[in-house]
């Protein structure tokens, strides 16, 4: 019989589980889905109010997959029209799904009951809408990078699909996230390896831009906050999720099996499981954390 180690030994042999052993059970990445279940553009995991997980580009580009978090199986929920390809998934207070479509320069809206896909917002000024976050007022914030020029724009999209350009002439803007109180907006620049933070007023305007964190290597992709205000950032190419405190200090890096981590979301009944999309492995990994997600 193999030796029992750590947490398993303590549980099976009736012993007590130390704080150190509990800590060791956290931050350990494991697979949710099989490899190669998605296209290389796997991105944007998110949960609806019923706890269903959706991930973009299931099996091929242009689809939204619905993933079973119990066994890792999946099915196509919708196929997008007009060769559209989504990069992110968010839901508004009514349960509608919103998708940045970088092919059509749109933000798409999906009626979850009828599965009808419509254009919520289109702009010829869009370069390549990439990631979204949403506040309690159903205002969307969108990152809009121009990868070739290594520049980017920040948008707010008000209810009804009204676009407001908040800032231009940024770096290669990518991941975007709101703090739990929605008074701080975080945005990263992948090529420049910087994370910026803005103050957000009641109308959804941003001001007081300042540098939150900067790294010397690798890239950035999606970001999310936990309830304590810690920021989880996908370090694309390094294969870790960096966890930063609200004052920008690096708390830890969670190693993943794959290297090209593109986005993440908190889920599970207690919202203490982090689900991560991996573009090199074309699958979803997951790990447990002690603080629930926003």
C-alpha atoms as a PDB file:
ATOM      1  CA  UNK A   1       0.000   0.000   0.000  1.00  0.00           C
ATOM      2  CA  UNK A   2       1.302   3.457  -0.823  1.00  0.00           C
ATOM      3  CA  UNK A   3       2.065   5.851   1.968  1.00  0.00           C
ATOM      4  CA  UNK A   4      -0.724   8.200   2.965  1.00  0.00           C
ATOM      5  CA  UNK A   5       0.397  11.787   2.916  1.00  0.00           C
ATOM      6  CA  UNK A   6      -0.730  15.108   4.309  1.00  0.00           C
ATOM      7  CA  UNK A   7      -4.413  15.874   4.269  1.00  0.00           C
ATOM      8  CA  UNK A   8      -5.518  12.407   3.098  1.00  0.00           C
ATOM      9  CA  UNK A   9      -3.669  10.664   5.917  1.00  0.00           C
ATOM     10  CA  UNK A  10      -5.120  12.964   8.551  1.00  0.00           C
ATOM     11  CA  UNK A  11      -8.672  12.411   7.301  1.00  0.00           C
ATOM     12  CA  UNK A  12      -8.501   8.634   6.792  1.00  0.00           C
ATOM     13  CA  UNK A  13      -6.664   7.925  10.025  1.00  0.00           C
ATOM     14  CA  UNK A  14      -8.921  10.083  12.123  1.00  0.00           C
ATOM     15  CA  UNK A  15      -6.312  12.681  12.962  1.00  0.00           C
ATOM     16  CA  UNK A  16      -6.694  16.425  13.043  1.00  0.00           C
ATOM     17  CA  UNK A  17      -5.994  18.533  10.011  1.00  0.00           C
ATOM     18  CA  UNK A  18      -3.504  21.305  10.694  1.00  0.00           C
ATOM     19  CA  UNK A  19      -3.759  24.802   9.284  1.00  0.00           C
ATOM     20  CA  UNK A  20      -0.704  24.072   7.161  1.00  0.00           C
ATOM     21  CA  UNK A  21      -2.349  20.961   5.683  1.00  0.00           C
ATOM     22  CA  UNK A  22      -5.540  22.882   4.909  1.00  0.00           C
ATOM     23  CA  UNK A  23      -3.462  25.554   3.212  1.00  0.00           C
ATOM     24  CA  UNK A  24      -1.715  22.896   1.121  1.00  0.00           C
ATOM     25  CA  UNK A  25      -5.098  21.735  -0.204  1.00  0.00           C
ATOM     26  CA  UNK A  26      -5.691  25.214  -1.606  1.00  0.00           C
ATOM     27  CA  UNK A  27      -4.169  26.660  -4.781  1.00  0.00           C
ATOM     28  CA  UNK A  28      -3.632  23.202  -6.336  1.00  0.00           C
ATOM     29  CA  UNK A  29      -4.614  23.218 -10.003  1.00  0.00           C
ATOM     30  CA  UNK A  30      -6.460  20.254 -11.473  1.00  0.00           C
ATOM     31  CA  UNK A  31      -8.331  19.670 -14.709  1.00  0.00           C
ATOM     32  CA  UNK A  32     -12.056  20.254 -15.026  1.00  0.00           C
ATOM     33  CA  UNK A  33     -12.303  19.351 -18.716  1.00  0.00           C
ATOM     34  CA  UNK A  34     -10.264  17.151 -21.001  1.00  0.00           C
ATOM     35  CA  UNK A  35      -7.562  18.721 -23.149  1.00  0.00           C
ATOM     36  CA  UNK A  36      -8.442  19.914 -26.667  1.00  0.00           C
ATOM     37  CA  UNK A  37     -12.132  20.329 -25.883  1.00  0.00           C
ATOM     38  CA  UNK A  38     -12.013  23.952 -27.097  1.00  0.00           C
ATOM     39  CA  UNK A  39     -10.339  25.936 -29.855  1.00  0.00           C
ATOM     40  CA  UNK A  40      -7.118  27.795 -29.194  1.00  0.00           C
ATOM     41  CA  UNK A  41      -9.231  30.897 -28.564  1.00  0.00           C
ATOM     42  CA  UNK A  42     -10.779  29.472 -25.378  1.00  0.00           C
ATOM     43  CA  UNK A  43     -11.599  32.448 -23.156  1.00  0.00           C
ATOM     44  CA  UNK A  44     -14.150  34.224 -21.013  1.00  0.00           C
ATOM     45  CA  UNK A  45     -15.537  31.697 -18.484  1.00  0.00           C
ATOM     46  CA  UNK A  46     -18.558  32.910 -16.529  1.00  0.00           C
ATOM     47  CA  UNK A  47     -21.562  31.649 -14.551  1.00  0.00           C
ATOM     48  CA  UNK A  48     -25.221  32.561 -14.892  1.00  0.00           C
ATOM     49  CA  UNK A  49     -27.477  33.040 -11.853  1.00  0.00           C
ATOM     50  CA  UNK A  50     -28.381  29.348 -11.863  1.00  0.00           C
ATOM     51  CA  UNK A  51     -24.733  28.341 -11.552  1.00  0.00           C
ATOM     52  CA  UNK A  52     -24.224  27.142 -15.135  1.00  0.00           C
ATOM     53  CA  UNK A  53     -20.731  27.649 -16.549  1.00  0.00           C
ATOM     54  CA  UNK A  54     -20.283  29.089 -20.049  1.00  0.00           C
ATOM     55  CA  UNK A  55     -16.990  29.274 -21.954  1.00  0.00           C
ATOM     56  CA  UNK A  56     -16.382  30.719 -25.417  1.00  0.00           C
ATOM     57  CA  UNK A  57     -15.151  28.744 -28.436  1.00  0.00           C
ATOM     58  CA  UNK A  58     -16.199  25.245 -27.453  1.00  0.00           C
ATOM     59  CA  UNK A  59     -14.887  22.721 -30.033  1.00  0.00           C
ATOM     60  CA  UNK A  60     -14.420  25.515 -32.596  1.00  0.00           C
ATOM     61  CA  UNK A  61     -14.382  29.311 -32.894  1.00  0.00           C
ATOM     62  CA  UNK A  62     -17.737  31.101 -32.906  1.00  0.00           C
ATOM     63  CA  UNK A  63     -19.500  28.960 -30.323  1.00  0.00           C
ATOM     64  CA  UNK A  64     -20.435  29.323 -26.660  1.00  0.00           C
ATOM     65  CA  UNK A  65     -20.108  26.115 -24.674  1.00  0.00           C
ATOM     66  CA  UNK A  66     -22.110  25.104 -21.607  1.00  0.00           C
ATOM     67  CA  UNK A  67     -19.880  23.095 -19.263  1.00  0.00           C
ATOM     68  CA  UNK A  68     -20.879  20.639 -16.545  1.00  0.00           C
ATOM     69  CA  UNK A  69     -18.745  21.468 -13.501  1.00  0.00           C
ATOM     70  CA  UNK A  70     -19.392  18.047 -11.957  1.00  0.00           C
ATOM     71  CA  UNK A  71     -17.834  15.910 -14.683  1.00  0.00           C
ATOM     72  CA  UNK A  72     -16.247  18.386 -17.108  1.00  0.00           C
ATOM     73  CA  UNK A  73     -18.460  17.439 -20.037  1.00  0.00           C
ATOM     74  CA  UNK A  74     -19.785  20.105 -22.382  1.00  0.00           C
ATOM     75  CA  UNK A  75     -22.166  20.940 -25.178  1.00  0.00           C
ATOM     76  CA  UNK A  76     -22.663  23.786 -27.641  1.00  0.00           C
ATOM     77  CA  UNK A  77     -25.088  26.299 -26.151  1.00  0.00           C
ATOM     78  CA  UNK A  78     -25.176  28.606 -29.181  1.00  0.00           C
ATOM     79  CA  UNK A  79     -23.296  29.176 -32.422  1.00  0.00           C
ATOM     80  CA  UNK A  80     -22.849  32.865 -33.195  1.00  0.00           C
ATOM     81  CA  UNK A  81     -24.109  34.240 -36.536  1.00  0.00           C
ATOM     82  CA  UNK A  82     -22.111  36.130 -39.197  1.00  0.00           C
ATOM     83  CA  UNK A  83     -18.783  34.441 -38.389  1.00  0.00           C
ATOM     84  CA  UNK A  84     -18.663  36.289 -35.065  1.00  0.00           C
ATOM     85  CA  UNK A  85     -16.130  35.132 -32.453  1.00  0.00           C
ATOM     86  CA  UNK A  86     -16.510  36.081 -28.789  1.00  0.00           C
ATOM     87  CA  UNK A  87     -13.765  36.695 -26.260  1.00  0.00           C
ATOM     88  CA  UNK A  88     -15.638  37.111 -22.981  1.00  0.00           C
ATOM     89  CA  UNK A  89     -18.958  36.395 -21.259  1.00  0.00           C
ATOM     90  CA  UNK A  90     -20.856  38.569 -18.767  1.00  0.00           C
ATOM     91  CA  UNK A  91     -24.483  38.599 -17.584  1.00  0.00           C
ATOM     92  CA  UNK A  92     -26.665  41.578 -16.683  1.00  0.00           C
ATOM     93  CA  UNK A  93     -29.200  41.790 -13.863  1.00  0.00           C
ATOM     94  CA  UNK A  94     -31.922  40.367 -16.141  1.00  0.00           C
ATOM     95  CA  UNK A  95     -29.796  37.331 -16.963  1.00  0.00           C
ATOM     96  CA  UNK A  96     -28.966  38.293 -20.546  1.00  0.00           C
ATOM     97  CA  UNK A  97     -25.533  37.316 -21.853  1.00  0.00           C
ATOM     98  CA  UNK A  98     -23.140  39.857 -23.390  1.00  0.00           C
ATOM     99  CA  UNK A  99     -20.237  38.967 -25.655  1.00  0.00           C
ATOM    100  CA  UNK A 100     -17.484  41.132 -27.197  1.00  0.00           C
ATOM    101  CA  UNK A 101     -17.277  40.106 -30.864  1.00  0.00           C
ATOM    102  CA  UNK A 102     -13.845  41.054 -32.166  1.00  0.00           C
ATOM    103  CA  UNK A 103     -14.641  39.955 -35.742  1.00  0.00           C
ATOM    104  CA  UNK A 104     -17.733  42.125 -36.192  1.00  0.00           C
ATOM    105  CA  UNK A 105     -16.634  44.981 -33.888  1.00  0.00           C
ATOM    106  CA  UNK A 106     -19.751  44.397 -31.809  1.00  0.00           C
ATOM    107  CA  UNK A 107     -20.978  43.657 -28.360  1.00  0.00           C
ATOM    108  CA  UNK A 108     -23.598  40.940 -28.788  1.00  0.00           C
ATOM    109  CA  UNK A 109     -26.611  40.279 -26.556  1.00  0.00           C
ATOM    110  CA  UNK A 110     -28.041  36.777 -26.063  1.00  0.00           C
ATOM    111  CA  UNK A 111     -31.556  36.130 -24.782  1.00  0.00           C
ATOM    112  CA  UNK A 112     -30.905  33.076 -22.621  1.00  0.00           C
ATOM    113  CA  UNK A 113     -34.470  31.804 -22.941  1.00  0.00           C
ATOM    114  CA  UNK A 114     -34.839  32.006 -26.715  1.00  0.00           C
ATOM    115  CA  UNK A 115     -31.090  31.902 -27.552  1.00  0.00           C
ATOM    116  CA  UNK A 116     -31.631  34.805 -29.933  1.00  0.00           C
ATOM    117  CA  UNK A 117     -28.389  36.675 -30.660  1.00  0.00           C
ATOM    118  CA  UNK A 118     -28.599  40.387 -31.492  1.00  0.00           C
ATOM    119  CA  UNK A 119     -26.164  43.280 -31.814  1.00  0.00           C
ATOM    120  CA  UNK A 120     -26.303  45.272 -28.586  1.00  0.00           C
ATOM    121  CA  UNK A 121     -23.694  47.784 -29.697  1.00  0.00           C
ATOM    122  CA  UNK A 122     -21.596  48.311 -32.827  1.00  0.00           C
ATOM    123  CA  UNK A 123     -18.911  50.886 -33.444  1.00  0.00           C
ATOM    124  CA  UNK A 124     -16.587  51.458 -36.380  1.00  0.00           C
ATOM    125  CA  UNK A 125     -14.234  52.911 -33.753  1.00  0.00           C
ATOM    126  CA  UNK A 126     -13.803  49.505 -32.147  1.00  0.00           C
ATOM    127  CA  UNK A 127     -10.405  47.964 -32.848  1.00  0.00           C
ATOM    128  CA  UNK A 128     -10.936  44.519 -31.350  1.00  0.00           C
ATOM    129  CA  UNK A 129     -13.288  44.431 -28.333  1.00  0.00           C
ATOM    130  CA  UNK A 130     -11.695  41.940 -26.004  1.00  0.00           C
ATOM    131  CA  UNK A 131     -12.965  41.724 -22.441  1.00  0.00           C
ATOM    132  CA  UNK A 132     -15.964  42.971 -20.478  1.00  0.00           C
ATOM    133  CA  UNK A 133     -17.016  43.594 -16.913  1.00  0.00           C
ATOM    134  CA  UNK A 134     -20.387  44.865 -15.699  1.00  0.00           C
ATOM    135  CA  UNK A 135     -21.642  46.813 -12.683  1.00  0.00           C
ATOM    136  CA  UNK A 136     -24.875  46.634 -10.724  1.00  0.00           C
ATOM    137  CA  UNK A 137     -26.387  49.340 -12.940  1.00  0.00           C
ATOM    138  CA  UNK A 138     -25.829  47.112 -15.985  1.00  0.00           C
ATOM    139  CA  UNK A 139     -23.167  49.418 -17.396  1.00  0.00           C
ATOM    140  CA  UNK A 140     -20.541  47.486 -19.332  1.00  0.00           C
ATOM    141  CA  UNK A 141     -16.848  48.357 -19.372  1.00  0.00           C
ATOM    142  CA  UNK A 142     -14.929  47.078 -22.378  1.00  0.00           C
ATOM    143  CA  UNK A 143     -11.250  46.751 -23.217  1.00  0.00           C
ATOM    144  CA  UNK A 144     -10.457  47.392 -26.864  1.00  0.00           C
ATOM    145  CA  UNK A 145      -6.877  46.599 -27.914  1.00  0.00           C
ATOM    146  CA  UNK A 146      -5.189  47.120 -31.252  1.00  0.00           C
ATOM    147  CA  UNK A 147      -2.667  44.298 -31.101  1.00  0.00           C
ATOM    148  CA  UNK A 148      -0.787  45.319 -34.240  1.00  0.00           C
ATOM    149  CA  UNK A 149      -0.255  48.906 -33.079  1.00  0.00           C
ATOM    150  CA  UNK A 150       0.115  47.867 -29.413  1.00  0.00           C
ATOM    151  CA  UNK A 151      -2.438  50.493 -28.387  1.00  0.00           C
ATOM    152  CA  UNK A 152      -5.890  50.388 -26.846  1.00  0.00           C
ATOM    153  CA  UNK A 153      -9.103  52.142 -25.877  1.00  0.00           C
ATOM    154  CA  UNK A 154     -11.375  51.919 -22.841  1.00  0.00           C
ATOM    155  CA  UNK A 155     -15.161  52.048 -23.330  1.00  0.00           C
ATOM    156  CA  UNK A 156     -18.236  52.228 -21.170  1.00  0.00           C
ATOM    157  CA  UNK A 157     -21.466  50.964 -22.711  1.00  0.00           C
ATOM    158  CA  UNK A 158     -24.568  52.302 -21.035  1.00  0.00           C
ATOM    159  CA  UNK A 159     -27.934  50.526 -20.920  1.00  0.00           C
ATOM    160  CA  UNK A 160     -29.488  50.330 -24.347  1.00  0.00           C
ATOM    161  CA  UNK A 161     -26.113  49.964 -26.031  1.00  0.00           C
ATOM    162  CA  UNK A 162     -24.919  53.594 -25.891  1.00  0.00           C
ATOM    163  CA  UNK A 163     -21.094  53.690 -26.226  1.00  0.00           C
ATOM    164  CA  UNK A 164     -18.942  56.158 -24.275  1.00  0.00           C
ATOM    165  CA  UNK A 165     -15.215  56.339 -25.039  1.00  0.00           C
ATOM    166  CA  UNK A 166     -13.511  56.805 -21.676  1.00  0.00           C
ATOM    167  CA  UNK A 167      -9.872  56.793 -22.770  1.00  0.00           C
ATOM    168  CA  UNK A 168      -7.781  56.286 -25.889  1.00  0.00           C
ATOM    169  CA  UNK A 169      -4.033  56.082 -26.565  1.00  0.00           C
ATOM    170  CA  UNK A 170      -3.508  53.363 -23.973  1.00  0.00           C
ATOM    171  CA  UNK A 171      -1.219  50.367 -24.292  1.00  0.00           C
ATOM    172  CA  UNK A 172      -2.418  46.923 -25.377  1.00  0.00           C
ATOM    173  CA  UNK A 173      -5.409  46.922 -23.038  1.00  0.00           C
ATOM    174  CA  UNK A 174      -6.752  43.465 -22.195  1.00  0.00           C
ATOM    175  CA  UNK A 175      -8.076  42.216 -18.835  1.00  0.00           C
ATOM    176  CA  UNK A 176     -10.611  44.367 -16.985  1.00  0.00           C
ATOM    177  CA  UNK A 177     -12.259  44.023 -13.569  1.00  0.00           C
ATOM    178  CA  UNK A 178     -14.237  45.996 -10.984  1.00  0.00           C
ATOM    179  CA  UNK A 179     -13.541  45.976  -7.257  1.00  0.00           C
ATOM    180  CA  UNK A 180     -16.261  44.549  -4.965  1.00  0.00           C
ATOM    181  CA  UNK A 181     -17.599  48.038  -4.137  1.00  0.00           C
ATOM    182  CA  UNK A 182     -17.389  48.973  -7.857  1.00  0.00           C
ATOM    183  CA  UNK A 183     -15.483  52.153  -6.999  1.00  0.00           C
ATOM    184  CA  UNK A 184     -12.245  50.948  -8.597  1.00  0.00           C
ATOM    185  CA  UNK A 185     -11.686  49.724 -12.151  1.00  0.00           C
ATOM    186  CA  UNK A 186      -8.593  47.646 -12.958  1.00  0.00           C
ATOM    187  CA  UNK A 187      -7.213  47.373 -16.487  1.00  0.00           C
ATOM    188  CA  UNK A 188      -4.070  45.641 -17.672  1.00  0.00           C
ATOM    189  CA  UNK A 189      -1.889  46.176 -20.732  1.00  0.00           C
ATOM    190  CA  UNK A 190      -0.558  42.842 -22.002  1.00  0.00           C
ATOM    191  CA  UNK A 191       2.466  43.981 -24.001  1.00  0.00           C
ATOM    192  CA  UNK A 192       3.460  46.750 -21.588  1.00  0.00           C
ATOM    193  CA  UNK A 193       2.939  44.405 -18.580  1.00  0.00           C
ATOM    194  CA  UNK A 194       1.197  47.053 -16.508  1.00  0.00           C
ATOM    195  CA  UNK A 195      -1.990  47.064 -14.429  1.00  0.00           C
ATOM    196  CA  UNK A 196      -3.735  50.417 -13.993  1.00  0.00           C
ATOM    197  CA  UNK A 197      -6.446  51.397 -11.549  1.00  0.00           C
ATOM    198  CA  UNK A 198      -9.066  54.131 -11.859  1.00  0.00           C
ATOM    199  CA  UNK A 199     -11.574  55.621  -9.475  1.00  0.00           C
ATOM    200  CA  UNK A 200     -15.150  55.144 -10.730  1.00  0.00           C
ATOM    201  CA  UNK A 201     -17.880  57.646  -9.845  1.00  0.00           C
ATOM    202  CA  UNK A 202     -21.623  56.979  -9.515  1.00  0.00           C
ATOM    203  CA  UNK A 203     -22.204  57.761 -13.197  1.00  0.00           C
ATOM    204  CA  UNK A 204     -19.586  55.253 -14.331  1.00  0.00           C
ATOM    205  CA  UNK A 205     -16.949  57.823 -15.280  1.00  0.00           C
ATOM    206  CA  UNK A 206     -13.313  57.061 -14.513  1.00  0.00           C
ATOM    207  CA  UNK A 207     -10.611  59.378 -13.178  1.00  0.00           C
ATOM    208  CA  UNK A 208      -7.430  59.428 -11.071  1.00  0.00           C
ATOM    209  CA  UNK A 209      -5.572  56.855 -13.182  1.00  0.00           C
ATOM    210  CA  UNK A 210      -2.496  55.422 -11.468  1.00  0.00           C
ATOM    211  CA  UNK A 211      -0.172  52.461 -11.842  1.00  0.00           C
ATOM    212  CA  UNK A 212      -1.286  49.525  -9.697  1.00  0.00           C
ATOM    213  CA  UNK A 213       1.391  46.938 -10.557  1.00  0.00           C
ATOM    214  CA  UNK A 214       4.046  46.211 -13.166  1.00  0.00           C
ATOM    215  CA  UNK A 215       5.888  42.997 -14.069  1.00  0.00           C
ATOM    216  CA  UNK A 216       9.190  42.553 -15.926  1.00  0.00           C
ATOM    217  CA  UNK A 217       8.218  39.535 -18.007  1.00  0.00           C
ATOM    218  CA  UNK A 218       5.416  37.533 -19.643  1.00  0.00           C
ATOM    219  CA  UNK A 219       1.982  38.962 -20.453  1.00  0.00           C
ATOM    220  CA  UNK A 220      -1.418  39.620 -18.911  1.00  0.00           C
ATOM    221  CA  UNK A 221      -4.899  38.463 -19.797  1.00  0.00           C
ATOM    222  CA  UNK A 222      -8.178  38.218 -17.850  1.00  0.00           C
ATOM    223  CA  UNK A 223      -8.666  39.449 -14.267  1.00  0.00           C
ATOM    224  CA  UNK A 224     -11.222  39.092 -11.461  1.00  0.00           C
ATOM    225  CA  UNK A 225     -11.539  40.303  -7.848  1.00  0.00           C
ATOM    226  CA  UNK A 226     -12.449  38.350  -4.744  1.00  0.00           C
ATOM    227  CA  UNK A 227     -14.700  39.707  -1.986  1.00  0.00           C
ATOM    228  CA  UNK A 228     -11.713  40.999  -0.022  1.00  0.00           C
ATOM    229  CA  UNK A 229     -10.664  43.136  -2.973  1.00  0.00           C
ATOM    230  CA  UNK A 230      -7.681  41.005  -4.001  1.00  0.00           C
ATOM    231  CA  UNK A 231      -7.069  41.003  -7.750  1.00  0.00           C
ATOM    232  CA  UNK A 232      -6.475  37.701  -9.582  1.00  0.00           C
ATOM    233  CA  UNK A 233      -4.615  38.244 -12.866  1.00  0.00           C
ATOM    234  CA  UNK A 234      -3.843  35.643 -15.549  1.00  0.00           C
ATOM    235  CA  UNK A 235      -0.120  35.784 -16.408  1.00  0.00           C
ATOM    236  CA  UNK A 236      -0.253  34.578 -20.021  1.00  0.00           C
ATOM    237  CA  UNK A 237       2.892  32.653 -20.977  1.00  0.00           C
ATOM    238  CA  UNK A 238       4.026  32.091 -17.405  1.00  0.00           C
ATOM    239  CA  UNK A 239       1.145  29.787 -16.542  1.00  0.00           C
ATOM    240  CA  UNK A 240       0.251  31.308 -13.183  1.00  0.00           C
ATOM    241  CA  UNK A 241      -2.559  33.311 -11.653  1.00  0.00           C
ATOM    242  CA  UNK A 242      -1.036  36.250  -9.785  1.00  0.00           C
ATOM    243  CA  UNK A 243      -2.929  37.322  -6.660  1.00  0.00           C
ATOM    244  CA  UNK A 244      -2.401  40.952  -5.703  1.00  0.00           C
ATOM    245  CA  UNK A 245      -3.655  42.714  -2.590  1.00  0.00           C
ATOM    246  CA  UNK A 246      -5.773  45.892  -2.910  1.00  0.00           C
ATOM    247  CA  UNK A 247      -2.570  47.943  -2.485  1.00  0.00           C
ATOM    248  CA  UNK A 248      -0.863  46.181  -5.398  1.00  0.00           C
ATOM    249  CA  UNK A 249       1.435  43.841  -3.481  1.00  0.00           C
ATOM    250  CA  UNK A 250       1.953  40.382  -4.988  1.00  0.00           C
ATOM    251  CA  UNK A 251       0.606  37.869  -2.460  1.00  0.00           C
ATOM    252  CA  UNK A 252       1.272  34.654  -4.364  1.00  0.00           C
ATOM    253  CA  UNK A 253       1.327  33.055  -7.793  1.00  0.00           C
ATOM    254  CA  UNK A 254      -0.792  29.948  -8.347  1.00  0.00           C
ATOM    255  CA  UNK A 255       0.934  27.577 -10.804  1.00  0.00           C
ATOM    256  CA  UNK A 256      -1.193  25.970 -13.494  1.00  0.00           C
ATOM    257  CA  UNK A 257      -0.583  22.940 -15.710  1.00  0.00           C
ATOM    258  CA  UNK A 258      -0.749  25.018 -18.890  1.00  0.00           C
ATOM    259  CA  UNK A 259       1.131  28.216 -19.689  1.00  0.00           C
ATOM    260  CA  UNK A 260      -1.303  30.257 -21.789  1.00  0.00           C
ATOM    261  CA  UNK A 261      -3.926  31.157 -19.167  1.00  0.00           C
ATOM    262  CA  UNK A 262      -6.430  33.476 -20.820  1.00  0.00           C
ATOM    263  CA  UNK A 263      -9.114  34.215 -18.217  1.00  0.00           C
ATOM    264  CA  UNK A 264     -10.695  33.081 -14.958  1.00  0.00           C
ATOM    265  CA  UNK A 265     -13.880  33.187 -12.921  1.00  0.00           C
ATOM    266  CA  UNK A 266     -14.950  32.310  -9.368  1.00  0.00           C
ATOM    267  CA  UNK A 267     -17.660  29.668  -9.043  1.00  0.00           C
ATOM    268  CA  UNK A 268     -19.041  26.740  -7.097  1.00  0.00           C
ATOM    269  CA  UNK A 269     -21.640  26.904  -4.338  1.00  0.00           C
ATOM    270  CA  UNK A 270     -19.322  28.903  -2.087  1.00  0.00           C
ATOM    271  CA  UNK A 271     -17.657  30.800  -4.981  1.00  0.00           C
ATOM    272  CA  UNK A 272     -14.272  29.625  -3.718  1.00  0.00           C
ATOM    273  CA  UNK A 273     -13.332  27.614  -6.808  1.00  0.00           C
ATOM    274  CA  UNK A 274     -11.402  29.463  -9.512  1.00  0.00           C
ATOM    275  CA  UNK A 275     -11.935  28.199 -13.068  1.00  0.00           C
ATOM    276  CA  UNK A 276      -9.187  29.090 -15.564  1.00  0.00           C
ATOM    277  CA  UNK A 277      -9.158  28.795 -19.367  1.00  0.00           C
ATOM    278  CA  UNK A 278      -5.901  27.550 -20.945  1.00  0.00           C
ATOM    279  CA  UNK A 279      -5.229  28.270 -24.613  1.00  0.00           C
ATOM    280  CA  UNK A 280      -2.263  25.926 -25.056  1.00  0.00           C
ATOM    281  CA  UNK A 281      -4.072  22.964 -23.481  1.00  0.00           C
ATOM    282  CA  UNK A 282      -7.493  24.056 -24.847  1.00  0.00           C
ATOM    283  CA  UNK A 283      -9.182  23.131 -21.597  1.00  0.00           C
ATOM    284  CA  UNK A 284     -10.370  24.437 -18.225  1.00  0.00           C
ATOM    285  CA  UNK A 285      -8.379  23.998 -15.017  1.00  0.00           C
ATOM    286  CA  UNK A 286      -9.557  24.833 -11.494  1.00  0.00           C
ATOM    287  CA  UNK A 287      -8.230  25.401  -7.986  1.00  0.00           C
ATOM    288  CA  UNK A 288      -9.642  26.235  -4.572  1.00  0.00           C
ATOM    289  CA  UNK A 289      -9.094  29.491  -2.665  1.00  0.00           C
ATOM    290  CA  UNK A 290      -9.970  30.639   0.887  1.00  0.00           C
ATOM    291  CA  UNK A 291     -11.837  33.826  -0.104  1.00  0.00           C
ATOM    292  CA  UNK A 292     -14.955  33.820  -2.279  1.00  0.00           C
ATOM    293  CA  UNK A 293     -15.111  35.720  -5.540  1.00  0.00           C
ATOM    294  CA  UNK A 294     -16.878  39.047  -6.056  1.00  0.00           C
END
